[in-house]
Amino acid sequence: MSFPNIPNVTPSISINRVDVINLLLASIAFEELGLAHIINAEAEKIQAVIGTLGTNVPVATTVGELLDINEAVNNTLKTVIKKEMLLQFKLEDVLNIPPTTPPTP
């Protein structure tokens, strides 16, 4: 068996410092938006289980089922909080990027 031929790909990407910072900030914002959707989905899960989502038909019929759903939501929200902390660190790092100084002649 022979080795595959991998073409020599040398992409030319030209972005400046301001573009990089803006892309980093945009990536943080999109991750935050995704986490907001997850939090909303977990809230709707609780509402559906207790019957306040609009159908008024509770899905969980026992206390044990309610506790199981509560534990699942709790675990998901713990994971969201961990991700929020990482995003906070990322944001702080981006905001602490030192400004460029013009070169001295």
Protein backbone atom coordinates (compact mmCIF):
# COMPACT_ATOMS: atom_id res chain seq x y z
CA MET A 1 0.00 0.00 0.00
CA SER A 2 1.37 3.39 -0.94
CA PHE A 3 1.18 6.63 0.98
CA PRO A 4 -1.44 9.13 -0.12
CA ASN A 5 -0.33 12.19 -2.03
CA ILE A 6 -1.13 15.29 -0.04
CA PRO A 7 -1.06 18.46 -2.08
CA ASN A 8 1.01 21.36 -0.89
CA VAL A 9 -1.58 23.83 0.33
CA THR A 10 -0.26 27.16 1.45
CA PRO A 11 -3.23 29.38 2.19
CA SER A 12 -2.69 33.09 2.13
CA ILE A 13 -4.74 34.72 4.85
CA SER A 14 -4.27 38.39 5.41
CA ILE A 15 -5.89 39.85 8.50
CA ASN A 16 -4.65 42.59 10.73
CA ARG A 17 -4.55 42.88 14.50
CA VAL A 18 -7.91 44.66 14.77
CA ASP A 19 -9.55 41.95 12.65
CA VAL A 20 -8.12 39.25 14.91
CA ILE A 21 -9.44 40.94 18.05
CA ASN A 22 -12.86 41.43 16.44
CA LEU A 23 -12.98 37.77 15.37
CA LEU A 24 -12.09 36.66 18.89
CA LEU A 25 -14.82 38.85 20.37
CA ALA A 26 -17.32 37.56 17.80
CA SER A 27 -16.43 33.96 18.65
CA ILE A 28 -17.09 34.66 22.34
CA ALA A 29 -20.42 36.27 21.47
CA PHE A 30 -21.51 33.30 19.35
CA GLU A 31 -20.57 30.85 22.09
CA GLU A 32 -22.56 32.92 24.59
CA LEU A 33 -25.54 32.84 22.24
CA GLY A 34 -25.29 29.06 22.00
CA LEU A 35 -25.20 28.77 25.78
CA ALA A 36 -28.26 31.02 26.04
CA HIS A 37 -30.13 28.62 23.77
CA ILE A 38 -29.10 25.68 25.95
CA ILE A 39 -30.30 27.48 29.10
CA ASN A 40 -33.61 28.28 27.40
CA ALA A 41 -34.03 24.65 26.32
CA GLU A 42 -33.45 23.47 29.88
CA ALA A 43 -36.05 25.93 31.16
CA GLU A 44 -38.54 24.64 28.59
CA LYS A 45 -37.72 21.08 29.64
CA ILE A 46 -38.69 21.89 33.23
CA GLN A 47 -41.85 23.67 32.05
CA ALA A 48 -42.84 20.71 29.88
CA VAL A 49 -42.30 18.26 32.71
CA ILE A 50 -44.46 20.17 35.17
CA GLY A 51 -47.07 21.01 32.54
CA THR A 52 -46.72 24.79 32.33
CA LEU A 53 -45.34 24.96 28.80
CA GLY A 54 -48.74 25.32 27.22
CA THR A 55 -50.05 21.80 27.06
CA ASN A 56 -50.96 21.77 30.77
CA VAL A 57 -50.28 18.04 30.79
CA PRO A 58 -47.43 17.21 33.16
CA VAL A 59 -45.07 14.61 31.76
CA ALA A 60 -43.63 13.53 35.10
CA THR A 61 -46.14 11.66 37.22
CA THR A 62 -44.02 10.83 40.25
CA VAL A 63 -41.68 12.73 42.52
CA GLY A 64 -38.87 10.42 41.42
CA GLU A 65 -39.35 11.40 37.78
CA LEU A 66 -39.31 15.08 38.76
CA LEU A 67 -36.09 14.57 40.70
CA ASP A 68 -34.50 12.75 37.74
CA ILE A 69 -35.35 15.60 35.36
CA ASN A 70 -34.15 18.13 37.92
CA GLU A 71 -30.82 16.31 38.25
CA ALA A 72 -30.39 16.19 34.46
CA VAL A 73 -31.09 19.92 34.16
CA ASN A 74 -28.78 20.64 37.08
CA ASN A 75 -25.93 18.71 35.44
CA THR A 76 -26.44 20.51 32.14
CA LEU A 77 -26.46 23.91 33.84
CA LYS A 78 -23.27 23.02 35.74
CA THR A 79 -21.60 22.32 32.41
CA VAL A 80 -22.90 25.63 31.01
CA ILE A 81 -21.46 27.46 34.01
CA LYS A 82 -18.07 25.83 33.42
CA LYS A 83 -18.14 26.97 29.81
CA GLU A 84 -19.16 30.47 30.93
CA MET A 85 -16.11 30.61 33.17
CA LEU A 86 -13.83 29.62 30.28
CA LEU A 87 -15.43 32.28 28.10
CA GLN A 88 -14.84 34.85 30.85
CA PHE A 89 -11.14 33.93 30.88
CA LYS A 90 -11.05 34.16 27.09
CA LEU A 91 -12.72 37.58 27.15
CA GLU A 92 -10.29 38.86 29.80
CA ASP A 93 -7.36 37.63 27.71
CA VAL A 94 -8.68 39.37 24.61
CA LEU A 95 -9.30 42.60 26.49
CA ASN A 96 -5.79 42.47 27.93
CA ILE A 97 -4.10 42.29 24.54
CA PRO A 98 -1.64 45.16 24.64
CA PRO A 99 -2.03 47.84 22.00
CA THR A 100 0.54 47.97 19.29
CA THR A 101 3.20 50.60 19.47
CA PRO A 102 4.41 52.17 16.26
CA PRO A 103 7.97 51.23 15.36
CA THR A 104 10.54 53.87 16.17
CA PRO A 105 12.76 54.97 13.26
